[in-house]
């Protein structure tokens, strides 16, 4: 009696291992992309929270006045892969002077980007904003949300910053005028 594997049995086993491995690796890449997207959304939300903490505390940068606000600025007309944490040194409630207001520039990499900015008042949401400034100013934790939809900046009650992965998955960072910051699945 001969014992061992035949060549056909060996090819079948190797084929099964190859199929299982390819399915596992494909799902692993998708899972890893979703984790990176979630991390990006949380990093963005934490940066907005950091601006809120700076805005209601006594933290100052660039010899700004004590009551100067702090905020986060997005400008999709210039770049969909970066956003800015800033101090409002000239107290105009906008990010305007890179040399005297910029605290930190955050760059998004690996093919991830900001897909869209939506702003809303009450029940109407507009997803055509190209610029967004979220400012926090002493002594209130409330957010001053200003978006530009092509005709100049307007004030809004809510903003959604939608981020997208190279695979097409999306998450949104939601900021309320009350100061609440959250992550939302789309």
Foldseek 3Di string as FASTA:
>chain_A
DDDDDDPVRVVVVVVVVVVVVVVVVVVVVVVVLVVVQVVVLVVVLVLQVVQLVCAQDQDDDLPADSFWKWKKKAAQVVPFFKIFTWTRRVRPQDDDDCVRITPDIDGHDDQKGFDWKWFAADPDIDTQFRMWIWIHTPNASFTFIWTDNPPDIDTGQKMWTWMATPVGAIKIWIAGRNNDIDIGGD
